[in-house]
């Protein structure tokens, strides 16, 4: 989930690429500048990280075996390097000086705190003529949610607007949760691969769109594009903008109902939508063959044939639902009522 939040930061332009299970748990790159991120959660209630805790070596008299020693060692250290220690509990006072918010630089650290870390990590030898003090000056602490549920909630709140923008309307809560799960599973699966996964911003965008398409479903043209051109298409049929807005709203309601349906109910909706699509295709073919005039006549003919479908004429599908399905298909497909100039 922390990796997903970092990828969402990249989606918003903060990073150019993110990798995980690499030189650290997560490595975020902005141009040529790496940010090495180590995640250390605490399960014991009441326990919090301190300077002594993060500098305590796992192997006696080997400071390089401490949390910070491992974070600073074993990787290239170009000029723009930064280090992030990610925790799920607010640290103790001395280490709290390094705390910052996601995407914001941290404030100044007391000189005595810096000197304490340098003293405790005495003996750690770094490459590229760097020293521990140089690393401490570039260290920050990020406090995420205490529980996985809190971190997931942050991801859901950030994913909601992205999914909604892709759909052209607010997403269902279950859809956003499912997108988060799909991405989380993908990240976890890649973490088990023999080689670290390096994901540029464009690749994550593709992952995100694939997750949205997987969760919300695809229509006849294979897309989940917003209904932004419906008014233009209906204008060709002589429908004014105000009336077109009502059709668009009805199409939104239909799509939301379709996305919230499951099993047989969705299958029935898809069967009827296929029938409407077939009617549209037939009318379009006849119009282009010169048998039906373009514009309002083509639109009226389409409506008449849809209203005469058995599902509509018998009342199995309400007339309003049939019109909403037509609006949804019209928005997604070619202009059914007049060819583009």
C-alpha atoms as a PDB file:
ATOM      1  CA  UNK A   1       0.000   0.000   0.000  1.00  0.00           C
ATOM      2  CA  UNK A   2       2.892   2.387   0.663  1.00  0.00           C
ATOM      3  CA  UNK A   3       4.263   1.582  -2.787  1.00  0.00           C
ATOM      4  CA  UNK A   4       0.835   2.314  -4.272  1.00  0.00           C
ATOM      5  CA  UNK A   5       0.784   5.723  -2.560  1.00  0.00           C
ATOM      6  CA  UNK A   6       4.233   6.457  -4.004  1.00  0.00           C
ATOM      7  CA  UNK A   7       2.998   5.420  -7.460  1.00  0.00           C
ATOM      8  CA  UNK A   8       0.016   7.753  -7.067  1.00  0.00           C
ATOM      9  CA  UNK A   9       2.488  10.525  -6.208  1.00  0.00           C
ATOM     10  CA  UNK A  10       4.271   9.665  -9.469  1.00  0.00           C
ATOM     11  CA  UNK A  11       0.929   9.802 -11.287  1.00  0.00           C
ATOM     12  CA  UNK A  12       0.605  13.385 -10.021  1.00  0.00           C
ATOM     13  CA  UNK A  13       4.089  14.316 -11.269  1.00  0.00           C
ATOM     14  CA  UNK A  14       6.250  13.945  -8.160  1.00  0.00           C
ATOM     15  CA  UNK A  15       8.442  11.125  -9.531  1.00  0.00           C
ATOM     16  CA  UNK A  16       9.540   9.937 -12.961  1.00  0.00           C
ATOM     17  CA  UNK A  17       9.758   6.302 -11.897  1.00  0.00           C
ATOM     18  CA  UNK A  18       9.206   4.055  -8.882  1.00  0.00           C
ATOM     19  CA  UNK A  19      10.751   0.670  -8.163  1.00  0.00           C
ATOM     20  CA  UNK A  20      10.205  -1.717  -5.296  1.00  0.00           C
ATOM     21  CA  UNK A  21      12.162  -4.519  -3.665  1.00  0.00           C
ATOM     22  CA  UNK A  22      15.191  -2.851  -5.239  1.00  0.00           C
ATOM     23  CA  UNK A  23      18.130  -1.223  -3.416  1.00  0.00           C
ATOM     24  CA  UNK A  24      15.554  -0.461  -0.719  1.00  0.00           C
ATOM     25  CA  UNK A  25      11.936  -1.363  -0.100  1.00  0.00           C
ATOM     26  CA  UNK A  26      10.983   1.438  -2.500  1.00  0.00           C
ATOM     27  CA  UNK A  27      13.118   3.693  -4.679  1.00  0.00           C
ATOM     28  CA  UNK A  28      11.528   6.839  -6.103  1.00  0.00           C
ATOM     29  CA  UNK A  29      13.370   8.683  -8.870  1.00  0.00           C
ATOM     30  CA  UNK A  30      12.934  12.273  -9.962  1.00  0.00           C
ATOM     31  CA  UNK A  31      15.157  12.698 -12.992  1.00  0.00           C
ATOM     32  CA  UNK A  32      18.523  11.437 -11.763  1.00  0.00           C
ATOM     33  CA  UNK A  33      17.844  11.957  -8.051  1.00  0.00           C
ATOM     34  CA  UNK A  34      16.935   8.818  -6.058  1.00  0.00           C
ATOM     35  CA  UNK A  35      14.931   8.712  -2.856  1.00  0.00           C
ATOM     36  CA  UNK A  36      15.637   5.481  -0.970  1.00  0.00           C
ATOM     37  CA  UNK A  37      12.649   4.547   1.176  1.00  0.00           C
ATOM     38  CA  UNK A  38      12.682   1.968   3.973  1.00  0.00           C
ATOM     39  CA  UNK A  39       9.406   0.863   5.595  1.00  0.00           C
ATOM     40  CA  UNK A  40       9.600  -0.196   9.249  1.00  0.00           C
ATOM     41  CA  UNK A  41       6.246  -0.860  10.904  1.00  0.00           C
ATOM     42  CA  UNK A  42       5.777  -1.546  14.616  1.00  0.00           C
ATOM     43  CA  UNK A  43       3.182  -4.035  15.799  1.00  0.00           C
ATOM     44  CA  UNK A  44       3.755  -3.618  19.549  1.00  0.00           C
ATOM     45  CA  UNK A  45       1.395  -1.106  21.151  1.00  0.00           C
ATOM     46  CA  UNK A  46       3.188   1.842  22.747  1.00  0.00           C
ATOM     47  CA  UNK A  47       6.557   1.245  21.045  1.00  0.00           C
ATOM     48  CA  UNK A  48       7.986   4.118  19.007  1.00  0.00           C
ATOM     49  CA  UNK A  49      11.228   4.608  17.096  1.00  0.00           C
ATOM     50  CA  UNK A  50      13.954   6.781  18.638  1.00  0.00           C
ATOM     51  CA  UNK A  51      17.416   7.817  17.474  1.00  0.00           C
ATOM     52  CA  UNK A  52      18.925   5.096  19.654  1.00  0.00           C
ATOM     53  CA  UNK A  53      16.542   2.536  18.189  1.00  0.00           C
ATOM     54  CA  UNK A  54      17.264   3.268  14.518  1.00  0.00           C
ATOM     55  CA  UNK A  55      21.037   3.447  15.180  1.00  0.00           C
ATOM     56  CA  UNK A  56      21.214   0.264  17.272  1.00  0.00           C
ATOM     57  CA  UNK A  57      23.259  -2.366  15.378  1.00  0.00           C
ATOM     58  CA  UNK A  58      21.873  -5.840  14.859  1.00  0.00           C
ATOM     59  CA  UNK A  59      25.444  -7.117  15.112  1.00  0.00           C
ATOM     60  CA  UNK A  60      27.488  -5.855  18.060  1.00  0.00           C
ATOM     61  CA  UNK A  61      30.056  -3.188  17.145  1.00  0.00           C
ATOM     62  CA  UNK A  62      28.848  -3.101  13.524  1.00  0.00           C
ATOM     63  CA  UNK A  63      26.878   0.172  13.136  1.00  0.00           C
ATOM     64  CA  UNK A  64      26.344  -0.610   9.460  1.00  0.00           C
ATOM     65  CA  UNK A  65      23.902  -3.341  10.585  1.00  0.00           C
ATOM     66  CA  UNK A  66      21.535  -0.759  12.148  1.00  0.00           C
ATOM     67  CA  UNK A  67      18.379   0.493  10.423  1.00  0.00           C
ATOM     68  CA  UNK A  68      20.003   3.741   9.332  1.00  0.00           C
ATOM     69  CA  UNK A  69      23.303   2.061   8.515  1.00  0.00           C
ATOM     70  CA  UNK A  70      21.517  -0.258   6.106  1.00  0.00           C
ATOM     71  CA  UNK A  71      19.505   2.641   4.674  1.00  0.00           C
ATOM     72  CA  UNK A  72      22.629   4.707   3.926  1.00  0.00           C
ATOM     73  CA  UNK A  73      24.879   1.899   2.674  1.00  0.00           C
ATOM     74  CA  UNK A  74      25.071  -0.184  -0.479  1.00  0.00           C
ATOM     75  CA  UNK A  75      23.747   2.182  -3.132  1.00  0.00           C
ATOM     76  CA  UNK A  76      24.829   5.063  -5.396  1.00  0.00           C
ATOM     77  CA  UNK A  77      24.703   8.459  -3.688  1.00  0.00           C
ATOM     78  CA  UNK A  78      24.470  11.183  -6.353  1.00  0.00           C
ATOM     79  CA  UNK A  79      24.035  14.813  -5.362  1.00  0.00           C
ATOM     80  CA  UNK A  80      20.219  14.761  -5.249  1.00  0.00           C
ATOM     81  CA  UNK A  81      19.953  11.651  -3.053  1.00  0.00           C
ATOM     82  CA  UNK A  82      17.426  11.576  -0.210  1.00  0.00           C
ATOM     83  CA  UNK A  83      16.453   8.948   2.358  1.00  0.00           C
ATOM     84  CA  UNK A  84      12.992   8.269   3.782  1.00  0.00           C
ATOM     85  CA  UNK A  85      12.325   6.178   6.880  1.00  0.00           C
ATOM     86  CA  UNK A  86       8.624   5.254   6.797  1.00  0.00           C
ATOM     87  CA  UNK A  87       6.897   4.278  10.052  1.00  0.00           C
ATOM     88  CA  UNK A  88       3.373   3.615  11.289  1.00  0.00           C
ATOM     89  CA  UNK A  89       3.800   5.283  14.681  1.00  0.00           C
ATOM     90  CA  UNK A  90       4.844   8.831  15.512  1.00  0.00           C
ATOM     91  CA  UNK A  91       8.531   8.591  16.600  1.00  0.00           C
ATOM     92  CA  UNK A  92       9.909   9.693  19.942  1.00  0.00           C
ATOM     93  CA  UNK A  93      10.888  13.342  20.393  1.00  0.00           C
ATOM     94  CA  UNK A  94      14.510  13.109  19.214  1.00  0.00           C
ATOM     95  CA  UNK A  95      13.690  11.256  16.001  1.00  0.00           C
ATOM     96  CA  UNK A  96      10.478  13.259  15.469  1.00  0.00           C
ATOM     97  CA  UNK A  97      12.603  16.197  14.285  1.00  0.00           C
ATOM     98  CA  UNK A  98      12.915  14.393  10.946  1.00  0.00           C
ATOM     99  CA  UNK A  99       9.162  13.956  10.426  1.00  0.00           C
ATOM    100  CA  UNK A 100       7.571  15.527   7.359  1.00  0.00           C
ATOM    101  CA  UNK A 101       4.364  15.175   5.354  1.00  0.00           C
ATOM    102  CA  UNK A 102       4.153  13.307   2.070  1.00  0.00           C
ATOM    103  CA  UNK A 103       5.451  15.511  -0.726  1.00  0.00           C
ATOM    104  CA  UNK A 104       6.792  18.256   1.563  1.00  0.00           C
ATOM    105  CA  UNK A 105      10.384  18.986   2.668  1.00  0.00           C
ATOM    106  CA  UNK A 106      11.171  18.572   6.331  1.00  0.00           C
ATOM    107  CA  UNK A 107      12.201  21.368   8.619  1.00  0.00           C
ATOM    108  CA  UNK A 108      15.586  21.908  10.322  1.00  0.00           C
ATOM    109  CA  UNK A 109      16.985  19.297  12.703  1.00  0.00           C
ATOM    110  CA  UNK A 110      18.670  20.317  15.976  1.00  0.00           C
ATOM    111  CA  UNK A 111      22.476  20.136  15.612  1.00  0.00           C
ATOM    112  CA  UNK A 112      22.738  17.963  18.719  1.00  0.00           C
ATOM    113  CA  UNK A 113      20.391  15.364  17.163  1.00  0.00           C
ATOM    114  CA  UNK A 114      22.434  15.289  13.979  1.00  0.00           C
ATOM    115  CA  UNK A 115      25.646  14.945  15.987  1.00  0.00           C
ATOM    116  CA  UNK A 116      24.129  12.119  18.059  1.00  0.00           C
ATOM    117  CA  UNK A 117      23.360  10.062  14.949  1.00  0.00           C
ATOM    118  CA  UNK A 118      26.807  10.718  13.473  1.00  0.00           C
ATOM    119  CA  UNK A 119      28.381   9.560  16.754  1.00  0.00           C
ATOM    120  CA  UNK A 120      26.285   6.419  16.972  1.00  0.00           C
ATOM    121  CA  UNK A 121      27.071   5.465  13.372  1.00  0.00           C
ATOM    122  CA  UNK A 122      30.790   6.123  13.716  1.00  0.00           C
ATOM    123  CA  UNK A 123      32.638   3.582  11.586  1.00  0.00           C
ATOM    124  CA  UNK A 124      30.116   3.445   8.733  1.00  0.00           C
ATOM    125  CA  UNK A 125      32.113   4.055   5.535  1.00  0.00           C
ATOM    126  CA  UNK A 126      30.162   5.404   2.578  1.00  0.00           C
ATOM    127  CA  UNK A 127      31.089   5.600  -1.135  1.00  0.00           C
ATOM    128  CA  UNK A 128      31.464   8.677  -3.343  1.00  0.00           C
ATOM    129  CA  UNK A 129      33.269  10.638  -0.587  1.00  0.00           C
ATOM    130  CA  UNK A 130      30.038  10.842   1.402  1.00  0.00           C
ATOM    131  CA  UNK A 131      29.819  10.588   5.179  1.00  0.00           C
ATOM    132  CA  UNK A 132      27.070   9.876   7.701  1.00  0.00           C
ATOM    133  CA  UNK A 133      26.450  13.574   8.303  1.00  0.00           C
ATOM    134  CA  UNK A 134      25.794  14.073   4.588  1.00  0.00           C
ATOM    135  CA  UNK A 135      23.174  11.312   4.721  1.00  0.00           C
ATOM    136  CA  UNK A 136      21.568  12.605   7.922  1.00  0.00           C
ATOM    137  CA  UNK A 137      21.130  16.005   6.261  1.00  0.00           C
ATOM    138  CA  UNK A 138      19.069  14.246   3.586  1.00  0.00           C
ATOM    139  CA  UNK A 139      17.039  12.017   5.901  1.00  0.00           C
ATOM    140  CA  UNK A 140      13.307  12.419   6.493  1.00  0.00           C
ATOM    141  CA  UNK A 141      10.706  10.410   8.390  1.00  0.00           C
ATOM    142  CA  UNK A 142       7.243   9.794   6.982  1.00  0.00           C
ATOM    143  CA  UNK A 143       4.483   8.653   9.334  1.00  0.00           C
ATOM    144  CA  UNK A 144       1.762   6.728   7.510  1.00  0.00           C
ATOM    145  CA  UNK A 145      -1.379   5.174   8.975  1.00  0.00           C
ATOM    146  CA  UNK A 146      -0.982   3.009  12.029  1.00  0.00           C
ATOM    147  CA  UNK A 147      -2.966   0.146  10.484  1.00  0.00           C
ATOM    148  CA  UNK A 148      -3.324  -1.266   6.990  1.00  0.00           C
ATOM    149  CA  UNK A 149      -6.942  -0.074   6.996  1.00  0.00           C
ATOM    150  CA  UNK A 150      -5.820   3.529   7.506  1.00  0.00           C
ATOM    151  CA  UNK A 151      -3.288   3.319   4.689  1.00  0.00           C
ATOM    152  CA  UNK A 152      -5.877   1.711   2.413  1.00  0.00           C
ATOM    153  CA  UNK A 153      -8.282   4.528   3.229  1.00  0.00           C
ATOM    154  CA  UNK A 154      -5.690   7.061   2.039  1.00  0.00           C
ATOM    155  CA  UNK A 155      -5.247   5.133  -1.189  1.00  0.00           C
ATOM    156  CA  UNK A 156      -9.013   4.897  -1.729  1.00  0.00           C
ATOM    157  CA  UNK A 157      -9.512   8.628  -1.186  1.00  0.00           C
ATOM    158  CA  UNK A 158      -6.804   9.391  -3.734  1.00  0.00           C
ATOM    159  CA  UNK A 159      -7.990   6.823  -6.253  1.00  0.00           C
ATOM    160  CA  UNK A 160     -11.627   7.975  -6.136  1.00  0.00           C
ATOM    161  CA  UNK A 161     -11.205  11.136  -8.240  1.00  0.00           C
ATOM    162  CA  UNK A 162      -8.914   9.330 -10.704  1.00  0.00           C
ATOM    163  CA  UNK A 163     -11.413   6.517 -11.288  1.00  0.00           C
ATOM    164  CA  UNK A 164     -14.262   9.022 -11.497  1.00  0.00           C
ATOM    165  CA  UNK A 165     -12.430  11.090 -14.099  1.00  0.00           C
ATOM    166  CA  UNK A 166     -11.828   8.008 -16.224  1.00  0.00           C
ATOM    167  CA  UNK A 167     -15.487   7.016 -16.014  1.00  0.00           C
ATOM    168  CA  UNK A 168     -16.828  10.521 -16.518  1.00  0.00           C
ATOM    169  CA  UNK A 169     -18.861  10.322 -13.317  1.00  0.00           C
ATOM    170  CA  UNK A 170     -18.316   9.500  -9.621  1.00  0.00           C
ATOM    171  CA  UNK A 171     -17.185   5.929  -9.092  1.00  0.00           C
ATOM    172  CA  UNK A 172     -18.921   3.449  -6.821  1.00  0.00           C
ATOM    173  CA  UNK A 173     -17.154   2.883  -3.505  1.00  0.00           C
ATOM    174  CA  UNK A 174     -16.799  -0.812  -4.289  1.00  0.00           C
ATOM    175  CA  UNK A 175     -15.214   0.017  -7.641  1.00  0.00           C
ATOM    176  CA  UNK A 176     -12.542   2.224  -6.083  1.00  0.00           C
ATOM    177  CA  UNK A 177     -11.810  -0.450  -3.494  1.00  0.00           C
ATOM    178  CA  UNK A 178     -11.526  -3.090  -6.217  1.00  0.00           C
ATOM    179  CA  UNK A 179      -9.159  -0.899  -8.247  1.00  0.00           C
ATOM    180  CA  UNK A 180      -7.000  -0.501  -5.139  1.00  0.00           C
ATOM    181  CA  UNK A 181      -6.989  -4.263  -4.541  1.00  0.00           C
ATOM    182  CA  UNK A 182      -6.153  -4.991  -8.195  1.00  0.00           C
ATOM    183  CA  UNK A 183      -3.192  -2.606  -8.086  1.00  0.00           C
ATOM    184  CA  UNK A 184      -2.086  -3.901  -4.684  1.00  0.00           C
ATOM    185  CA  UNK A 185      -2.071  -7.490  -5.914  1.00  0.00           C
ATOM    186  CA  UNK A 186      -0.124  -6.456  -9.008  1.00  0.00           C
ATOM    187  CA  UNK A 187       2.506  -4.661  -6.901  1.00  0.00           C
ATOM    188  CA  UNK A 188       2.759  -7.585  -4.453  1.00  0.00           C
ATOM    189  CA  UNK A 189       3.113 -10.076  -7.305  1.00  0.00           C
ATOM    190  CA  UNK A 190       5.867  -8.020  -8.933  1.00  0.00           C
ATOM    191  CA  UNK A 191       7.655  -7.805  -5.570  1.00  0.00           C
ATOM    192  CA  UNK A 192       8.154 -11.573  -5.666  1.00  0.00           C
ATOM    193  CA  UNK A 193       9.790 -11.497  -9.104  1.00  0.00           C
ATOM    194  CA  UNK A 194      13.515 -12.359  -9.368  1.00  0.00           C
ATOM    195  CA  UNK A 195      14.337  -8.827 -10.527  1.00  0.00           C
ATOM    196  CA  UNK A 196      13.073  -5.520  -9.116  1.00  0.00           C
ATOM    197  CA  UNK A 197      10.159  -3.932 -10.957  1.00  0.00           C
ATOM    198  CA  UNK A 198      10.951  -0.474 -12.300  1.00  0.00           C
ATOM    199  CA  UNK A 199       7.824   1.424 -13.336  1.00  0.00           C
ATOM    200  CA  UNK A 200       7.974   4.749 -15.218  1.00  0.00           C
ATOM    201  CA  UNK A 201       5.026   7.125 -14.933  1.00  0.00           C
ATOM    202  CA  UNK A 202       3.599   6.064 -18.314  1.00  0.00           C
ATOM    203  CA  UNK A 203       3.621   2.389 -17.312  1.00  0.00           C
ATOM    204  CA  UNK A 204       1.805   3.094 -14.065  1.00  0.00           C
ATOM    205  CA  UNK A 205      -0.787   5.092 -15.991  1.00  0.00           C
ATOM    206  CA  UNK A 206      -1.366   1.997 -18.133  1.00  0.00           C
ATOM    207  CA  UNK A 207      -1.596  -0.178 -15.007  1.00  0.00           C
ATOM    208  CA  UNK A 208      -4.121   2.221 -13.517  1.00  0.00           C
ATOM    209  CA  UNK A 209      -6.283   2.304 -16.633  1.00  0.00           C
ATOM    210  CA  UNK A 210      -6.125  -1.481 -16.915  1.00  0.00           C
ATOM    211  CA  UNK A 211      -7.333  -1.782 -13.319  1.00  0.00           C
ATOM    212  CA  UNK A 212     -10.213   0.629 -13.955  1.00  0.00           C
ATOM    213  CA  UNK A 213     -11.229  -1.199 -17.120  1.00  0.00           C
ATOM    214  CA  UNK A 214     -11.012  -4.564 -15.355  1.00  0.00           C
ATOM    215  CA  UNK A 215     -13.167  -3.437 -12.440  1.00  0.00           C
ATOM    216  CA  UNK A 216     -15.750  -1.281 -14.216  1.00  0.00           C
ATOM    217  CA  UNK A 217     -16.061  -3.294 -17.412  1.00  0.00           C
ATOM    218  CA  UNK A 218     -15.777  -2.407 -21.076  1.00  0.00           C
ATOM    219  CA  UNK A 219     -18.443  -1.466 -23.563  1.00  0.00           C
ATOM    220  CA  UNK A 220     -18.765  -2.287 -27.260  1.00  0.00           C
ATOM    221  CA  UNK A 221     -15.873  -0.081 -28.320  1.00  0.00           C
ATOM    222  CA  UNK A 222     -13.632  -1.519 -25.598  1.00  0.00           C
ATOM    223  CA  UNK A 223     -13.329   1.739 -23.678  1.00  0.00           C
ATOM    224  CA  UNK A 224     -14.461   3.369 -20.470  1.00  0.00           C
ATOM    225  CA  UNK A 225     -14.319   6.865 -21.976  1.00  0.00           C
ATOM    226  CA  UNK A 226     -16.321   9.673 -20.360  1.00  0.00           C
ATOM    227  CA  UNK A 227     -19.562  10.792 -22.005  1.00  0.00           C
ATOM    228  CA  UNK A 228     -18.157  14.104 -23.185  1.00  0.00           C
ATOM    229  CA  UNK A 229     -19.318  14.134 -26.813  1.00  0.00           C
ATOM    230  CA  UNK A 230     -22.959  13.151 -26.428  1.00  0.00           C
ATOM    231  CA  UNK A 231     -24.262  16.717 -26.768  1.00  0.00           C
ATOM    232  CA  UNK A 232     -22.369  17.192 -30.048  1.00  0.00           C
ATOM    233  CA  UNK A 233     -23.740  13.939 -31.442  1.00  0.00           C
ATOM    234  CA  UNK A 234     -27.303  14.729 -30.404  1.00  0.00           C
ATOM    235  CA  UNK A 235     -26.975  18.215 -31.901  1.00  0.00           C
ATOM    236  CA  UNK A 236     -26.733  16.521 -35.294  1.00  0.00           C
ATOM    237  CA  UNK A 237     -30.242  15.181 -34.629  1.00  0.00           C
ATOM    238  CA  UNK A 238     -31.562  18.646 -33.827  1.00  0.00           C
ATOM    239  CA  UNK A 239     -31.594  18.152 -30.045  1.00  0.00           C
ATOM    240  CA  UNK A 240     -30.798  21.364 -28.121  1.00  0.00           C
ATOM    241  CA  UNK A 241     -28.098  21.463 -25.478  1.00  0.00           C
ATOM    242  CA  UNK A 242     -30.436  21.621 -22.474  1.00  0.00           C
ATOM    243  CA  UNK A 243     -32.272  18.503 -23.609  1.00  0.00           C
ATOM    244  CA  UNK A 244     -28.973  16.778 -24.386  1.00  0.00           C
ATOM    245  CA  UNK A 245     -27.858  17.377 -20.790  1.00  0.00           C
ATOM    246  CA  UNK A 246     -30.878  15.392 -19.574  1.00  0.00           C
ATOM    247  CA  UNK A 247     -29.975  12.543 -21.920  1.00  0.00           C
ATOM    248  CA  UNK A 248     -26.406  12.616 -20.645  1.00  0.00           C
ATOM    249  CA  UNK A 249     -27.556  12.508 -17.019  1.00  0.00           C
ATOM    250  CA  UNK A 250     -29.799   9.525 -17.814  1.00  0.00           C
ATOM    251  CA  UNK A 251     -26.858   7.825 -19.495  1.00  0.00           C
ATOM    252  CA  UNK A 252     -24.783   8.413 -16.354  1.00  0.00           C
ATOM    253  CA  UNK A 253     -27.509   6.855 -14.199  1.00  0.00           C
ATOM    254  CA  UNK A 254     -27.725   3.849 -16.487  1.00  0.00           C
ATOM    255  CA  UNK A 255     -23.969   3.339 -16.500  1.00  0.00           C
ATOM    256  CA  UNK A 256     -23.873   3.595 -12.727  1.00  0.00           C
ATOM    257  CA  UNK A 257     -26.652   1.014 -12.447  1.00  0.00           C
ATOM    258  CA  UNK A 258     -24.844  -1.263 -14.882  1.00  0.00           C
ATOM    259  CA  UNK A 259     -21.565  -0.984 -12.975  1.00  0.00           C
ATOM    260  CA  UNK A 260     -23.333  -1.770  -9.710  1.00  0.00           C
ATOM    261  CA  UNK A 261     -25.101  -4.850 -11.082  1.00  0.00           C
ATOM    262  CA  UNK A 262     -23.827  -8.418 -10.834  1.00  0.00           C
ATOM    263  CA  UNK A 263     -24.347 -11.812 -12.438  1.00  0.00           C
ATOM    264  CA  UNK A 264     -27.644 -12.409 -14.299  1.00  0.00           C
ATOM    265  CA  UNK A 265     -28.789  -8.808 -13.888  1.00  0.00           C
ATOM    266  CA  UNK A 266     -25.710  -7.488 -15.692  1.00  0.00           C
ATOM    267  CA  UNK A 267     -25.991 -10.185 -18.344  1.00  0.00           C
ATOM    268  CA  UNK A 268     -29.593  -9.137 -19.063  1.00  0.00           C
ATOM    269  CA  UNK A 269     -28.538  -5.514 -19.324  1.00  0.00           C
ATOM    270  CA  UNK A 270     -25.735  -6.455 -21.718  1.00  0.00           C
ATOM    271  CA  UNK A 271     -28.087  -8.510 -23.902  1.00  0.00           C
ATOM    272  CA  UNK A 272     -30.473  -5.575 -24.236  1.00  0.00           C
ATOM    273  CA  UNK A 273     -27.597  -3.144 -24.886  1.00  0.00           C
ATOM    274  CA  UNK A 274     -26.417  -5.431 -27.699  1.00  0.00           C
ATOM    275  CA  UNK A 275     -29.916  -5.253 -29.217  1.00  0.00           C
ATOM    276  CA  UNK A 276     -29.868  -1.459 -29.071  1.00  0.00           C
ATOM    277  CA  UNK A 277     -26.406  -1.420 -30.582  1.00  0.00           C
ATOM    278  CA  UNK A 278     -27.635  -3.614 -33.451  1.00  0.00           C
ATOM    279  CA  UNK A 279     -30.541  -1.234 -34.113  1.00  0.00           C
ATOM    280  CA  UNK A 280     -28.165   1.731 -34.171  1.00  0.00           C
ATOM    281  CA  UNK A 281     -25.844  -0.011 -36.602  1.00  0.00           C
ATOM    282  CA  UNK A 282     -28.750  -0.921 -38.889  1.00  0.00           C
ATOM    283  CA  UNK A 283     -30.147   2.626 -38.960  1.00  0.00           C
ATOM    284  CA  UNK A 284     -26.685   4.050 -39.584  1.00  0.00           C
ATOM    285  CA  UNK A 285     -26.174   1.663 -42.519  1.00  0.00           C
ATOM    286  CA  UNK A 286     -29.543   2.604 -44.021  1.00  0.00           C
ATOM    287  CA  UNK A 287     -28.821   6.297 -43.558  1.00  0.00           C
ATOM    288  CA  UNK A 288     -25.503   6.002 -45.348  1.00  0.00           C
ATOM    289  CA  UNK A 289     -27.197   4.060 -48.117  1.00  0.00           C
ATOM    290  CA  UNK A 290     -29.596   6.944 -48.617  1.00  0.00           C
ATOM    291  CA  UNK A 291     -32.703   5.145 -47.357  1.00  0.00           C
ATOM    292  CA  UNK A 292     -33.094   7.261 -44.208  1.00  0.00           C
ATOM    293  CA  UNK A 293     -32.417  11.029 -44.106  1.00  0.00           C
ATOM    294  CA  UNK A 294     -29.688  12.185 -41.744  1.00  0.00           C
ATOM    295  CA  UNK A 295     -30.409  14.264 -38.670  1.00  0.00           C
ATOM    296  CA  UNK A 296     -33.688  14.228 -36.770  1.00  0.00           C
ATOM    297  CA  UNK A 297     -35.251  11.611 -39.101  1.00  0.00           C
ATOM    298  CA  UNK A 298     -32.432   9.146 -38.383  1.00  0.00           C
ATOM    299  CA  UNK A 299     -32.795   9.806 -34.660  1.00  0.00           C
ATOM    300  CA  UNK A 300     -36.567   9.306 -34.724  1.00  0.00           C
ATOM    301  CA  UNK A 301     -36.172   6.087 -36.703  1.00  0.00           C
ATOM    302  CA  UNK A 302     -33.666   4.796 -34.160  1.00  0.00           C
ATOM    303  CA  UNK A 303     -35.986   5.590 -31.252  1.00  0.00           C
ATOM    304  CA  UNK A 304     -38.975   3.971 -32.995  1.00  0.00           C
ATOM    305  CA  UNK A 305     -37.139   0.734 -33.679  1.00  0.00           C
ATOM    306  CA  UNK A 306     -35.796   0.551 -30.134  1.00  0.00           C
ATOM    307  CA  UNK A 307     -39.255   1.172 -28.676  1.00  0.00           C
ATOM    308  CA  UNK A 308     -40.552  -1.710 -30.826  1.00  0.00           C
ATOM    309  CA  UNK A 309     -37.997  -4.178 -29.478  1.00  0.00           C
ATOM    310  CA  UNK A 310     -39.833  -7.019 -27.661  1.00  0.00           C
ATOM    311  CA  UNK A 311     -38.165  -6.228 -24.328  1.00  0.00           C
ATOM    312  CA  UNK A 312     -39.456  -2.644 -24.493  1.00  0.00           C
ATOM    313  CA  UNK A 313     -42.880  -3.274 -26.003  1.00  0.00           C
ATOM    314  CA  UNK A 314     -43.665  -5.896 -23.352  1.00  0.00           C
ATOM    315  CA  UNK A 315     -42.450  -3.680 -20.512  1.00  0.00           C
ATOM    316  CA  UNK A 316     -39.561  -5.962 -19.517  1.00  0.00           C
ATOM    317  CA  UNK A 317     -37.290  -2.954 -20.085  1.00  0.00           C
ATOM    318  CA  UNK A 318     -38.783   0.437 -19.133  1.00  0.00           C
ATOM    319  CA  UNK A 319     -38.885   3.013 -21.910  1.00  0.00           C
ATOM    320  CA  UNK A 320     -36.732   5.403 -19.892  1.00  0.00           C
ATOM    321  CA  UNK A 321     -34.093   2.690 -19.482  1.00  0.00           C
ATOM    322  CA  UNK A 322     -34.154   2.018 -23.237  1.00  0.00           C
ATOM    323  CA  UNK A 323     -33.587   5.706 -23.987  1.00  0.00           C
ATOM    324  CA  UNK A 324     -30.739   5.830 -21.449  1.00  0.00           C
ATOM    325  CA  UNK A 325     -29.068   2.815 -23.077  1.00  0.00           C
ATOM    326  CA  UNK A 326     -29.338   4.542 -26.452  1.00  0.00           C
ATOM    327  CA  UNK A 327     -27.736   7.685 -25.017  1.00  0.00           C
ATOM    328  CA  UNK A 328     -24.923   5.630 -23.491  1.00  0.00           C
ATOM    329  CA  UNK A 329     -24.223   3.846 -26.783  1.00  0.00           C
ATOM    330  CA  UNK A 330     -24.505   7.071 -28.780  1.00  0.00           C
ATOM    331  CA  UNK A 331     -21.895   8.693 -26.544  1.00  0.00           C
ATOM    332  CA  UNK A 332     -19.462   5.810 -26.907  1.00  0.00           C
ATOM    333  CA  UNK A 333     -19.755   4.984 -30.596  1.00  0.00           C
ATOM    334  CA  UNK A 334     -19.697   6.727 -33.942  1.00  0.00           C
ATOM    335  CA  UNK A 335     -22.177   9.483 -34.639  1.00  0.00           C
ATOM    336  CA  UNK A 336     -25.342   7.567 -35.557  1.00  0.00           C
ATOM    337  CA  UNK A 337     -27.356  10.456 -36.927  1.00  0.00           C
ATOM    338  CA  UNK A 338     -24.955  12.317 -39.244  1.00  0.00           C
ATOM    339  CA  UNK A 339     -21.404  11.727 -40.419  1.00  0.00           C
ATOM    340  CA  UNK A 340     -18.749  14.173 -39.279  1.00  0.00           C
ATOM    341  CA  UNK A 341     -17.991  16.934 -41.741  1.00  0.00           C
END
